Amino acid sequence: MGDSLKDLLEAEAQAEAIVAEGEQERDAIVQKALDDAREMEQQFRDRLPEMHQSFVDKAEKRAQQTIAEIKLRYDERNKVLRDQAGEHEQEVLERALALILEGAAGRP
């Protein structure tokens, strides 16, 4: 019975050693995960200015495209209005001359 008790105590000591080793490995894994998370967070923070600038660049590009489209529509509309004005220029001059002549004829 003495040997059985001795074997049980040795088995318990080995089990405690295995549990302690497992806890150390778990703690090491948890610490590594925390370190990795901190590193990834720092990398993210380091990239924030770059990501912000990228966003600003894209926004500026879209704004420039929108401005170019608006300018194109403005130029097209301006051309249409100038063409219409040119088409009616002779008619306007004739009416203006008629009004002037009517006014001059009505005066003594």
PDB file of N, CA and C in Angstrom:
ATOM      1  N   MET A   1       0.806  -1.181   0.000  1.00  0.00           N
ATOM      2  CA  MET A   1       0.000   0.000   0.000  1.00  0.00           C
ATOM      3  C   MET A   1       0.856   1.254   0.000  1.00  0.00           C
ATOM      4  N   GLY A   2       2.027   1.158   0.579  1.00  0.00           N
ATOM      5  CA  GLY A   2       2.938   2.283   0.612  1.00  0.00           C
ATOM      6  C   GLY A   2       3.372   2.701  -0.780  1.00  0.00           C
ATOM      7  N   ASP A   3       3.603   1.693  -1.629  1.00  0.00           N
ATOM      8  CA  ASP A   3       3.996   2.012  -3.008  1.00  0.00           C
ATOM      9  C   ASP A   3       2.833   2.637  -3.771  1.00  0.00           C
ATOM     10  N   SER A   4       1.629   2.182  -3.533  1.00  0.00           N
ATOM     11  CA  SER A   4       0.445   2.738  -4.205  1.00  0.00           C
ATOM     12  C   SER A   4       0.252   4.194  -3.822  1.00  0.00           C
ATOM     13  N   LEU A   5       0.417   4.483  -2.552  1.00  0.00           N
ATOM     14  CA  LEU A   5       0.287   5.854  -2.082  1.00  0.00           C
ATOM     15  C   LEU A   5       1.378   6.723  -2.686  1.00  0.00           C
ATOM     16  N   LYS A   6       2.580   6.174  -2.724  1.00  0.00           N
ATOM     17  CA  LYS A   6       3.708   6.889  -3.314  1.00  0.00           C
ATOM     18  C   LYS A   6       3.445   7.133  -4.789  1.00  0.00           C
ATOM     19  N   ASP A   7       2.913   6.130  -5.506  1.00  0.00           N
ATOM     20  CA  ASP A   7       2.602   6.279  -6.934  1.00  0.00           C
ATOM     21  C   ASP A   7       1.505   7.330  -7.139  1.00  0.00           C
ATOM     22  N   LEU A   8       0.509   7.314  -6.263  1.00  0.00           N
ATOM     23  CA  LEU A   8      -0.571   8.298  -6.367  1.00  0.00           C
ATOM     24  C   LEU A   8      -0.043   9.711  -6.119  1.00  0.00           C
ATOM     25  N   LEU A   9       0.836   9.880  -5.158  1.00  0.00           N
ATOM     26  CA  LEU A   9       1.416  11.192  -4.890  1.00  0.00           C
ATOM     27  C   LEU A   9       2.273  11.668  -6.054  1.00  0.00           C
ATOM     28  N   GLU A  10       3.023  10.757  -6.654  1.00  0.00           N
ATOM     29  CA  GLU A  10       3.831  11.112  -7.828  1.00  0.00           C
ATOM     30  C   GLU A  10       2.918  11.469  -9.000  1.00  0.00           C
ATOM     31  N   ALA A  11       1.842  10.711  -9.191  1.00  0.00           N
ATOM     32  CA  ALA A  11       0.893  11.001 -10.275  1.00  0.00           C
ATOM     33  C   ALA A  11       0.240  12.363 -10.050  1.00  0.00           C
ATOM     34  N   GLU A  12      -0.097  12.651  -8.789  1.00  0.00           N
ATOM     35  CA  GLU A  12      -0.699  13.957  -8.480  1.00  0.00           C
ATOM     36  C   GLU A  12       0.303  15.069  -8.742  1.00  0.00           C
ATOM     37  N   ALA A  13       1.533  14.874  -8.384  1.00  0.00           N
ATOM     38  CA  ALA A  13       2.575  15.878  -8.617  1.00  0.00           C
ATOM     39  C   ALA A  13       2.764  16.092 -10.117  1.00  0.00           C
ATOM     40  N   GLN A  14       2.752  14.997 -10.865  1.00  0.00           N
ATOM     41  CA  GLN A  14       2.889  15.119 -12.332  1.00  0.00           C
ATOM     42  C   GLN A  14       1.678  15.849 -12.920  1.00  0.00           C
ATOM     43  N   ALA A  15       0.496  15.522 -12.417  1.00  0.00           N
ATOM     44  CA  ALA A  15      -0.723  16.182 -12.897  1.00  0.00           C
ATOM     45  C   ALA A  15      -0.675  17.674 -12.595  1.00  0.00           C
ATOM     46  N   GLU A  16      -0.232  18.028 -11.396  1.00  0.00           N
ATOM     47  CA  GLU A  16      -0.119  19.439 -11.038  1.00  0.00           C
ATOM     48  C   GLU A  16       0.910  20.136 -11.910  1.00  0.00           C
ATOM     49  N   ALA A  17       1.986  19.448 -12.233  1.00  0.00           N
ATOM     50  CA  ALA A  17       3.014  20.022 -13.105  1.00  0.00           C
ATOM     51  C   ALA A  17       2.441  20.252 -14.505  1.00  0.00           C
ATOM     52  N   ILE A  18       1.656  19.262 -14.985  1.00  0.00           N
ATOM     53  CA  ILE A  18       1.039  19.393 -16.316  1.00  0.00           C
ATOM     54  C   ILE A  18       0.043  20.556 -16.317  1.00  0.00           C
ATOM     55  N   VAL A  19      -0.763  20.663 -15.265  1.00  0.00           N
ATOM     56  CA  VAL A  19      -1.727  21.764 -15.156  1.00  0.00           C
ATOM     57  C   VAL A  19      -0.990  23.092 -15.109  1.00  0.00           C
ATOM     58  N   ALA A  20       0.075  23.170 -14.321  1.00  0.00           N
ATOM     59  CA  ALA A  20       0.851  24.412 -14.222  1.00  0.00           C
ATOM     60  C   ALA A  20       1.449  24.770 -15.575  1.00  0.00           C
ATOM     61  N   GLU A  21       1.977  23.780 -16.278  1.00  0.00           N
ATOM     62  CA  GLU A  21       2.549  24.024 -17.608  1.00  0.00           C
ATOM     63  C   GLU A  21       1.464  24.493 -18.575  1.00  0.00           C
ATOM     64  N   GLY A  22       0.293  23.870 -18.499  1.00  0.00           N
ATOM     65  CA  GLY A  22      -0.833  24.285 -19.344  1.00  0.00           C
ATOM     66  C   GLY A  22      -1.264  25.714 -19.057  1.00  0.00           C
ATOM     67  N   GLU A  23      -1.296  26.072 -17.772  1.00  0.00           N
ATOM     68  CA  GLU A  23      -1.654  27.439 -17.404  1.00  0.00           C
ATOM     69  C   GLU A  23      -0.623  28.434 -17.908  1.00  0.00           C
ATOM     70  N   GLN A  24       0.653  28.060 -17.841  1.00  0.00           N
ATOM     71  CA  GLN A  24       1.710  28.938 -18.350  1.00  0.00           C
ATOM     72  C   GLN A  24       1.570  29.108 -19.860  1.00  0.00           C
ATOM     73  N   GLU A  25       1.289  28.011 -20.560  1.00  0.00           N
ATOM     74  CA  GLU A  25       1.100  28.094 -22.013  1.00  0.00           C
ATOM     75  C   GLU A  25      -0.113  28.957 -22.339  1.00  0.00           C
ATOM     76  N   ARG A  26      -1.202  28.776 -21.577  1.00  0.00           N
ATOM     77  CA  ARG A  26      -2.407  29.587 -21.793  1.00  0.00           C
ATOM     78  C   ARG A  26      -2.093  31.056 -21.573  1.00  0.00           C
ATOM     79  N   ASP A  27      -1.391  31.365 -20.486  1.00  0.00           N
ATOM     80  CA  ASP A  27      -1.019  32.752 -20.195  1.00  0.00           C
ATOM     81  C   ASP A  27      -0.142  33.321 -21.303  1.00  0.00           C
ATOM     82  N   ALA A  28       0.780  32.494 -21.813  1.00  0.00           N
ATOM     83  CA  ALA A  28       1.655  32.943 -22.901  1.00  0.00           C
ATOM     84  C   ALA A  28       0.842  33.218 -24.159  1.00  0.00           C
ATOM     85  N   ILE A  29      -0.125  32.353 -24.444  1.00  0.00           N
ATOM     86  CA  ILE A  29      -0.975  32.541 -25.632  1.00  0.00           C
ATOM     87  C   ILE A  29      -1.818  33.802 -25.481  1.00  0.00           C
ATOM     88  N   VAL A  30      -2.390  34.001 -24.296  1.00  0.00           N
ATOM     89  CA  VAL A  30      -3.194  35.199 -24.043  1.00  0.00           C
ATOM     90  C   VAL A  30      -2.332  36.449 -24.180  1.00  0.00           C
ATOM     91  N   GLN A  31      -1.137  36.421 -23.613  1.00  0.00           N
ATOM     92  CA  GLN A  31      -0.240  37.581 -23.698  1.00  0.00           C
ATOM     93  C   GLN A  31       0.150  37.859 -25.143  1.00  0.00           C
ATOM     94  N   LYS A  32       0.431  36.810 -25.902  1.00  0.00           N
ATOM     95  CA  LYS A  32       0.779  36.966 -27.328  1.00  0.00           C
ATOM     96  C   LYS A  32      -0.391  37.576 -28.079  1.00  0.00           C
ATOM     97  N   ALA A  33      -1.603  37.099 -27.799  1.00  0.00           N
ATOM     98  CA  ALA A  33      -2.786  37.653 -28.460  1.00  0.00           C
ATOM     99  C   ALA A  33      -2.968  39.126 -28.109  1.00  0.00           C
ATOM    100  N   LEU A  34      -2.756  39.482 -26.856  1.00  0.00           N
ATOM    101  CA  LEU A  34      -2.854  40.888 -26.451  1.00  0.00           C
ATOM    102  C   LEU A  34      -1.797  41.738 -27.141  1.00  0.00           C
ATOM    103  N   ASP A  35      -0.570  41.222 -27.190  1.00  0.00           N
ATOM    104  CA  ASP A  35       0.514  41.946 -27.860  1.00  0.00           C
ATOM    105  C   ASP A  35       0.196  42.131 -29.344  1.00  0.00           C
ATOM    106  N   ASP A  36      -0.297  41.063 -29.976  1.00  0.00           N
ATOM    107  CA  ASP A  36      -0.660  41.150 -31.392  1.00  0.00           C
ATOM    108  C   ASP A  36      -1.772  42.179 -31.606  1.00  0.00           C
ATOM    109  N   ALA A  37      -2.769  42.170 -30.720  1.00  0.00           N
ATOM    110  CA  ALA A  37      -3.872  43.130 -30.827  1.00  0.00           C
ATOM    111  C   ALA A  37      -3.364  44.555 -30.686  1.00  0.00           C
ATOM    112  N   ARG A  38      -2.473  44.776 -29.733  1.00  0.00           N
ATOM    113  CA  ARG A  38      -1.902  46.123 -29.548  1.00  0.00           C
ATOM    114  C   ARG A  38      -1.104  46.553 -30.780  1.00  0.00           C
ATOM    115  N   GLU A  39      -0.358  45.612 -31.330  1.00  0.00           N
ATOM    116  CA  GLU A  39       0.434  45.917 -32.529  1.00  0.00           C
ATOM    117  C   GLU A  39      -0.478  46.263 -33.702  1.00  0.00           C
ATOM    118  N   MET A  40      -1.533  45.487 -33.867  1.00  0.00           N
ATOM    119  CA  MET A  40      -2.471  45.764 -34.960  1.00  0.00           C
ATOM    120  C   MET A  40      -3.175  47.102 -34.758  1.00  0.00           C
ATOM    121  N   GLU A  41      -3.517  47.408 -33.521  1.00  0.00           N
ATOM    122  CA  GLU A  41      -4.145  48.694 -33.225  1.00  0.00           C
ATOM    123  C   GLU A  41      -3.187  49.839 -33.536  1.00  0.00           C
ATOM    124  N   GLN A  42      -1.928  49.674 -33.187  1.00  0.00           N
ATOM    125  CA  GLN A  42      -0.935  50.712 -33.479  1.00  0.00           C
ATOM    126  C   GLN A  42      -0.740  50.872 -34.983  1.00  0.00           C
ATOM    127  N   GLN A  43      -0.711  49.770 -35.709  1.00  0.00           N
ATOM    128  CA  GLN A  43      -0.599  49.838 -37.164  1.00  0.00           C
ATOM    129  C   GLN A  43      -1.790  50.589 -37.749  1.00  0.00           C
ATOM    130  N   PHE A  44      -2.974  50.311 -37.202  1.00  0.00           N
ATOM    131  CA  PHE A  44      -4.170  51.016 -37.666  1.00  0.00           C
ATOM    132  C   PHE A  44      -4.041  52.515 -37.401  1.00  0.00           C
ATOM    133  N   ARG A  45      -3.609  52.864 -36.185  1.00  0.00           N
ATOM    134  CA  ARG A  45      -3.432  54.282 -35.857  1.00  0.00           C
ATOM    135  C   ARG A  45      -2.389  54.932 -36.754  1.00  0.00           C
ATOM    136  N   ASP A  46      -1.330  54.188 -37.050  1.00  0.00           N
ATOM    137  CA  ASP A  46      -0.278  54.729 -37.915  1.00  0.00           C
ATOM    138  C   ASP A  46      -0.798  54.964 -39.330  1.00  0.00           C
ATOM    139  N   ARG A  47      -1.771  54.156 -39.757  1.00  0.00           N
ATOM    140  CA  ARG A  47      -2.309  54.283 -41.117  1.00  0.00           C
ATOM    141  C   ARG A  47      -3.438  55.304 -41.223  1.00  0.00           C
ATOM    142  N   LEU A  48      -3.946  55.779 -40.093  1.00  0.00           N
ATOM    143  CA  LEU A  48      -5.075  56.719 -40.133  1.00  0.00           C
ATOM    144  C   LEU A  48      -4.804  57.946 -41.005  1.00  0.00           C
ATOM    145  N   PRO A  49      -3.662  58.607 -40.880  1.00  0.00           N
ATOM    146  CA  PRO A  49      -3.418  59.762 -41.751  1.00  0.00           C
ATOM    147  C   PRO A  49      -3.439  59.384 -43.241  1.00  0.00           C
ATOM    148  N   GLU A  50      -2.865  58.246 -43.555  1.00  0.00           N
ATOM    149  CA  GLU A  50      -2.853  57.777 -44.950  1.00  0.00           C
ATOM    150  C   GLU A  50      -4.277  57.505 -45.445  1.00  0.00           C
ATOM    151  N   MET A  51      -5.080  56.851 -44.614  1.00  0.00           N
ATOM    152  CA  MET A  51      -6.469  56.564 -44.996  1.00  0.00           C
ATOM    153  C   MET A  51      -7.262  57.857 -45.124  1.00  0.00           C
ATOM    154  N   HIS A  52      -7.011  58.792 -44.217  1.00  0.00           N
ATOM    155  CA  HIS A  52      -7.701  60.081 -44.281  1.00  0.00           C
ATOM    156  C   HIS A  52      -7.337  60.813 -45.566  1.00  0.00           C
ATOM    157  N   GLN A  53      -6.051  60.828 -45.893  1.00  0.00           N
ATOM    158  CA  GLN A  53      -5.613  61.509 -47.117  1.00  0.00           C
ATOM    159  C   GLN A  53      -6.211  60.849 -48.348  1.00  0.00           C
ATOM    160  N   SER A  54      -6.288  59.534 -48.334  1.00  0.00           N
ATOM    161  CA  SER A  54      -6.900  58.815 -49.451  1.00  0.00           C
ATOM    162  C   SER A  54      -8.351  59.233 -49.615  1.00  0.00           C
ATOM    163  N   PHE A  55      -9.071  59.337 -48.499  1.00  0.00           N
ATOM    164  CA  PHE A  55     -10.462  59.767 -48.544  1.00  0.00           C
ATOM    165  C   PHE A  55     -10.562  61.185 -49.093  1.00  0.00           C
ATOM    166  N   VAL A  56      -9.695  62.064 -48.618  1.00  0.00           N
ATOM    167  CA  VAL A  56      -9.705  63.454 -49.085  1.00  0.00           C
ATOM    168  C   VAL A  56      -9.401  63.512 -50.587  1.00  0.00           C
ATOM    169  N   ASP A  57      -8.416  62.729 -51.033  1.00  0.00           N
ATOM    170  CA  ASP A  57      -8.057  62.711 -52.455  1.00  0.00           C
ATOM    171  C   ASP A  57      -9.234  62.254 -53.310  1.00  0.00           C
ATOM    172  N   LYS A  58      -9.917  61.202 -52.860  1.00  0.00           N
ATOM    173  CA  LYS A  58     -11.077  60.709 -53.615  1.00  0.00           C
ATOM    174  C   LYS A  58     -12.190  61.746 -53.638  1.00  0.00           C
ATOM    175  N   ALA A  59     -12.416  62.411 -52.510  1.00  0.00           N
ATOM    176  CA  ALA A  59     -13.458  63.439 -52.444  1.00  0.00           C
ATOM    177  C   ALA A  59     -13.121  64.605 -53.373  1.00  0.00           C
ATOM    178  N   GLU A  60     -11.851  65.001 -53.393  1.00  0.00           N
ATOM    179  CA  GLU A  60     -11.429  66.091 -54.284  1.00  0.00           C
ATOM    180  C   GLU A  60     -11.601  65.684 -55.742  1.00  0.00           C
ATOM    181  N   LYS A  61     -11.255  64.450 -56.065  1.00  0.00           N
ATOM    182  CA  LYS A  61     -11.400  63.975 -57.443  1.00  0.00           C
ATOM    183  C   LYS A  61     -12.863  63.997 -57.858  1.00  0.00           C
ATOM    184  N   ARG A  62     -13.757  63.524 -56.964  1.00  0.00           N
ATOM    185  CA  ARG A  62     -15.192  63.547 -57.282  1.00  0.00           C
ATOM    186  C   ARG A  62     -15.687  64.980 -57.433  1.00  0.00           C
ATOM    187  N   ALA A  63     -15.192  65.884 -56.583  1.00  0.00           N
ATOM    188  CA  ALA A  63     -15.598  67.283 -56.672  1.00  0.00           C
ATOM    189  C   ALA A  63     -15.140  67.884 -58.002  1.00  0.00           C
ATOM    190  N   GLN A  64     -13.913  67.583 -58.401  1.00  0.00           N
ATOM    191  CA  GLN A  64     -13.412  68.098 -59.679  1.00  0.00           C
ATOM    192  C   GLN A  64     -14.224  67.551 -60.850  1.00  0.00           C
ATOM    193  N   GLN A  65     -14.602  66.267 -60.779  1.00  0.00           N
ATOM    194  CA  GLN A  65     -15.428  65.689 -61.833  1.00  0.00           C
ATOM    195  C   GLN A  65     -16.789  66.367 -61.888  1.00  0.00           C
ATOM    196  N   THR A  66     -17.363  66.616 -60.721  1.00  0.00           N
ATOM    197  CA  THR A  66     -18.670  67.274 -60.668  1.00  0.00           C
ATOM    198  C   THR A  66     -18.578  68.689 -61.220  1.00  0.00           C
ATOM    199  N   ILE A  67     -17.527  69.406 -60.845  1.00  0.00           N
ATOM    200  CA  ILE A  67     -17.329  70.765 -61.359  1.00  0.00           C
ATOM    201  C   ILE A  67     -17.181  70.746 -62.876  1.00  0.00           C
ATOM    202  N   ALA A  68     -16.419  69.788 -63.393  1.00  0.00           N
ATOM    203  CA  ALA A  68     -16.227  69.689 -64.843  1.00  0.00           C
ATOM    204  C   ALA A  68     -17.555  69.403 -65.542  1.00  0.00           C
ATOM    205  N   GLU A  69     -18.376  68.524 -64.959  1.00  0.00           N
ATOM    206  CA  GLU A  69     -19.676  68.207 -65.556  1.00  0.00           C
ATOM    207  C   GLU A  69     -20.598  69.427 -65.534  1.00  0.00           C
ATOM    208  N   ILE A  70     -20.599  70.159 -64.420  1.00  0.00           N
ATOM    209  CA  ILE A  70     -21.438  71.355 -64.317  1.00  0.00           C
ATOM    210  C   ILE A  70     -20.971  72.405 -65.318  1.00  0.00           C
ATOM    211  N   LYS A  71     -19.647  72.572 -65.441  1.00  0.00           N
ATOM    212  CA  LYS A  71     -19.109  73.549 -66.393  1.00  0.00           C
ATOM    213  C   LYS A  71     -19.490  73.170 -67.826  1.00  0.00           C
ATOM    214  N   LEU A  72     -19.416  71.885 -68.126  1.00  0.00           N
ATOM    215  CA  LEU A  72     -19.790  71.425 -69.460  1.00  0.00           C
ATOM    216  C   LEU A  72     -21.264  71.729 -69.737  1.00  0.00           C
ATOM    217  N   ARG A  73     -22.131  71.423 -68.757  1.00  0.00           N
ATOM    218  CA  ARG A  73     -23.561  71.724 -68.936  1.00  0.00           C
ATOM    219  C   ARG A  73     -23.788  73.225 -69.071  1.00  0.00           C
ATOM    220  N   TYR A  74     -23.045  74.026 -68.289  1.00  0.00           N
ATOM    221  CA  TYR A  74     -23.166  75.477 -68.379  1.00  0.00           C
ATOM    222  C   TYR A  74     -22.750  75.962 -69.774  1.00  0.00           C
ATOM    223  N   ASP A  75     -21.620  75.462 -70.245  1.00  0.00           N
ATOM    224  CA  ASP A  75     -21.134  75.868 -71.572  1.00  0.00           C
ATOM    225  C   ASP A  75     -22.124  75.470 -72.665  1.00  0.00           C
ATOM    226  N   GLU A  76     -22.697  74.258 -72.549  1.00  0.00           N
ATOM    227  CA  GLU A  76     -23.681  73.812 -73.538  1.00  0.00           C
ATOM    228  C   GLU A  76     -24.914  74.707 -73.512  1.00  0.00           C
ATOM    229  N   ARG A  77     -25.404  75.020 -72.310  1.00  0.00           N
ATOM    230  CA  ARG A  77     -26.595  75.878 -72.177  1.00  0.00           C
ATOM    231  C   ARG A  77     -26.292  77.277 -72.679  1.00  0.00           C
ATOM    232  N   ASN A  78     -25.107  77.785 -72.382  1.00  0.00           N
ATOM    233  CA  ASN A  78     -24.704  79.107 -72.832  1.00  0.00           C
ATOM    234  C   ASN A  78     -24.675  79.155 -74.361  1.00  0.00           C
ATOM    235  N   LYS A  79     -24.178  78.105 -74.978  1.00  0.00           N
ATOM    236  CA  LYS A  79     -24.135  78.051 -76.454  1.00  0.00           C
ATOM    237  C   LYS A  79     -25.548  78.058 -77.030  1.00  0.00           C
ATOM    238  N   VAL A  80     -26.440  77.273 -76.420  1.00  0.00           N
ATOM    239  CA  VAL A  80     -27.834  77.229 -76.893  1.00  0.00           C
ATOM    240  C   VAL A  80     -28.459  78.619 -76.788  1.00  0.00           C
ATOM    241  N   LEU A  81     -28.234  79.299 -75.686  1.00  0.00           N
ATOM    242  CA  LEU A  81     -28.813  80.635 -75.507  1.00  0.00           C
ATOM    243  C   LEU A  81     -28.228  81.634 -76.503  1.00  0.00           C
ATOM    244  N   ARG A  82     -26.921  81.533 -76.736  1.00  0.00           N
ATOM    245  CA  ARG A  82     -26.301  82.441 -77.722  1.00  0.00           C
ATOM    246  C   ARG A  82     -26.825  82.170 -79.132  1.00  0.00           C
ATOM    247  N   ASP A  83     -26.997  80.887 -79.455  1.00  0.00           N
ATOM    248  CA  ASP A  83     -27.553  80.535 -80.762  1.00  0.00           C
ATOM    249  C   ASP A  83     -28.969  81.082 -80.902  1.00  0.00           C
ATOM    250  N   GLN A  84     -29.770  80.936 -79.847  1.00  0.00           N
ATOM    251  CA  GLN A  84     -31.141  81.454 -79.889  1.00  0.00           C
ATOM    252  C   GLN A  84     -31.133  82.973 -80.005  1.00  0.00           C
ATOM    253  N   ALA A  85     -30.219  83.627 -79.291  1.00  0.00           N
ATOM    254  CA  ALA A  85     -30.126  85.080 -79.372  1.00  0.00           C
ATOM    255  C   ALA A  85     -29.743  85.496 -80.797  1.00  0.00           C
ATOM    256  N   GLY A  86     -28.831  84.766 -81.406  1.00  0.00           N
ATOM    257  CA  GLY A  86     -28.428  85.080 -82.776  1.00  0.00           C
ATOM    258  C   GLY A  86     -29.571  84.895 -83.762  1.00  0.00           C
ATOM    259  N   GLU A  87     -30.381  83.867 -83.522  1.00  0.00           N
ATOM    260  CA  GLU A  87     -31.526  83.613 -84.407  1.00  0.00           C
ATOM    261  C   GLU A  87     -32.557  84.736 -84.314  1.00  0.00           C
ATOM    262  N   HIS A  88     -32.698  85.364 -83.165  1.00  0.00           N
ATOM    263  CA  HIS A  88     -33.723  86.388 -82.970  1.00  0.00           C
ATOM    264  C   HIS A  88     -33.166  87.811 -83.055  1.00  0.00           C
ATOM    265  N   GLU A  89     -31.880  87.932 -83.322  1.00  0.00           N
ATOM    266  CA  GLU A  89     -31.255  89.253 -83.344  1.00  0.00           C
ATOM    267  C   GLU A  89     -31.871  90.158 -84.403  1.00  0.00           C
ATOM    268  N   GLN A  90     -32.066  89.663 -85.608  1.00  0.00           N
ATOM    269  CA  GLN A  90     -32.620  90.473 -86.693  1.00  0.00           C
ATOM    270  C   GLN A  90     -34.045  90.914 -86.355  1.00  0.00           C
ATOM    271  N   GLU A  91     -34.824  90.007 -85.806  1.00  0.00           N
ATOM    272  CA  GLU A  91     -36.205  90.329 -85.437  1.00  0.00           C
ATOM    273  C   GLU A  91     -36.235  91.423 -84.358  1.00  0.00           C
ATOM    274  N   VAL A  92     -35.360  91.330 -83.385  1.00  0.00           N
ATOM    275  CA  VAL A  92     -35.297  92.328 -82.322  1.00  0.00           C
ATOM    276  C   VAL A  92     -34.882  93.688 -82.885  1.00  0.00           C
ATOM    277  N   LEU A  93     -33.908  93.701 -83.789  1.00  0.00           N
ATOM    278  CA  LEU A  93     -33.470  94.962 -84.384  1.00  0.00           C
ATOM    279  C   LEU A  93     -34.602  95.610 -85.192  1.00  0.00           C
ATOM    280  N   GLU A  94     -35.339  94.817 -85.930  1.00  0.00           N
ATOM    281  CA  GLU A  94     -36.448  95.343 -86.723  1.00  0.00           C
ATOM    282  C   GLU A  94     -37.535  95.928 -85.828  1.00  0.00           C
ATOM    283  N   ARG A  95     -37.862  95.224 -84.744  1.00  0.00           N
ATOM    284  CA  ARG A  95     -38.882  95.733 -83.816  1.00  0.00           C
ATOM    285  C   ARG A  95     -38.407  97.004 -83.119  1.00  0.00           C
ATOM    286  N   ALA A  96     -37.141  97.039 -82.730  1.00  0.00           N
ATOM    287  CA  ALA A  96     -36.602  98.226 -82.073  1.00  0.00           C
ATOM    288  C   ALA A  96     -36.636  99.415 -83.018  1.00  0.00           C
ATOM    289  N   LEU A  97     -36.269  99.202 -84.278  1.00  0.00           N
ATOM    290  CA  LEU A  97     -36.294 100.273 -85.275  1.00  0.00           C
ATOM    291  C   LEU A  97     -37.723 100.754 -85.500  1.00  0.00           C
ATOM    292  N   ALA A  98     -38.667  99.814 -85.520  1.00  0.00           N
ATOM    293  CA  ALA A  98     -40.075 100.188 -85.719  1.00  0.00           C
ATOM    294  C   ALA A  98     -40.563 101.031 -84.551  1.00  0.00           C
ATOM    295  N   LEU A  99     -40.184 100.665 -83.325  1.00  0.00           N
ATOM    296  CA  LEU A  99     -40.603 101.442 -82.161  1.00  0.00           C
ATOM    297  C   LEU A  99     -40.005 102.847 -82.192  1.00  0.00           C
ATOM    298  N   ILE A 100     -38.749 102.909 -82.601  1.00  0.00           N
ATOM    299  CA  ILE A 100     -38.088 104.220 -82.683  1.00  0.00           C
ATOM    300  C   ILE A 100     -38.781 105.088 -83.729  1.00  0.00           C
ATOM    301  N   LEU A 101     -39.078 104.481 -84.865  1.00  0.00           N
ATOM    302  CA  LEU A 101     -39.726 105.244 -85.933  1.00  0.00           C
ATOM    303  C   LEU A 101     -41.138 105.675 -85.551  1.00  0.00           C
ATOM    304  N   GLU A 102     -41.858 104.792 -84.868  1.00  0.00           N
ATOM    305  CA  GLU A 102     -43.195 105.137 -84.381  1.00  0.00           C
ATOM    306  C   GLU A 102     -43.127 106.303 -83.404  1.00  0.00           C
ATOM    307  N   GLY A 103     -42.142 106.255 -82.556  1.00  0.00           N
ATOM    308  CA  GLY A 103     -41.993 107.345 -81.570  1.00  0.00           C
ATOM    309  C   GLY A 103     -41.639 108.654 -82.250  1.00  0.00           C
ATOM    310  N   ALA A 104     -40.793 108.585 -83.275  1.00  0.00           N
ATOM    311  CA  ALA A 104     -40.387 109.787 -83.978  1.00  0.00           C
ATOM    312  C   ALA A 104     -41.533 110.318 -84.830  1.00  0.00           C
ATOM    313  N   ALA A 105     -42.346 109.438 -85.341  1.00  0.00           N
ATOM    314  CA  ALA A 105     -43.467 109.861 -86.189  1.00  0.00           C
ATOM    315  C   ALA A 105     -44.569 110.496 -85.341  1.00  0.00           C
ATOM    316  N   GLY A 106     -44.699 110.071 -84.123  1.00  0.00           N
ATOM    317  CA  GLY A 106     -45.748 110.596 -83.263  1.00  0.00           C
ATOM    318  C   GLY A 106     -45.397 111.935 -82.669  1.00  0.00           C
ATOM    319  N   ARG A 107     -44.175 112.363 -82.756  1.00  0.00           N
ATOM    320  CA  ARG A 107     -43.759 113.646 -82.194  1.00  0.00           C
ATOM    321  C   ARG A 107     -43.937 114.761 -83.241  1.00  0.00           C
ATOM    322  N   PRO A 108     -44.304 115.943 -82.773  1.00  0.00           N
ATOM    323  CA  PRO A 108     -44.430 117.061 -83.721  1.00  0.00           C
ATOM    324  C   PRO A 108     -43.119 117.686 -84.088  1.00  0.00           C
TER     325      PRO A 108
END
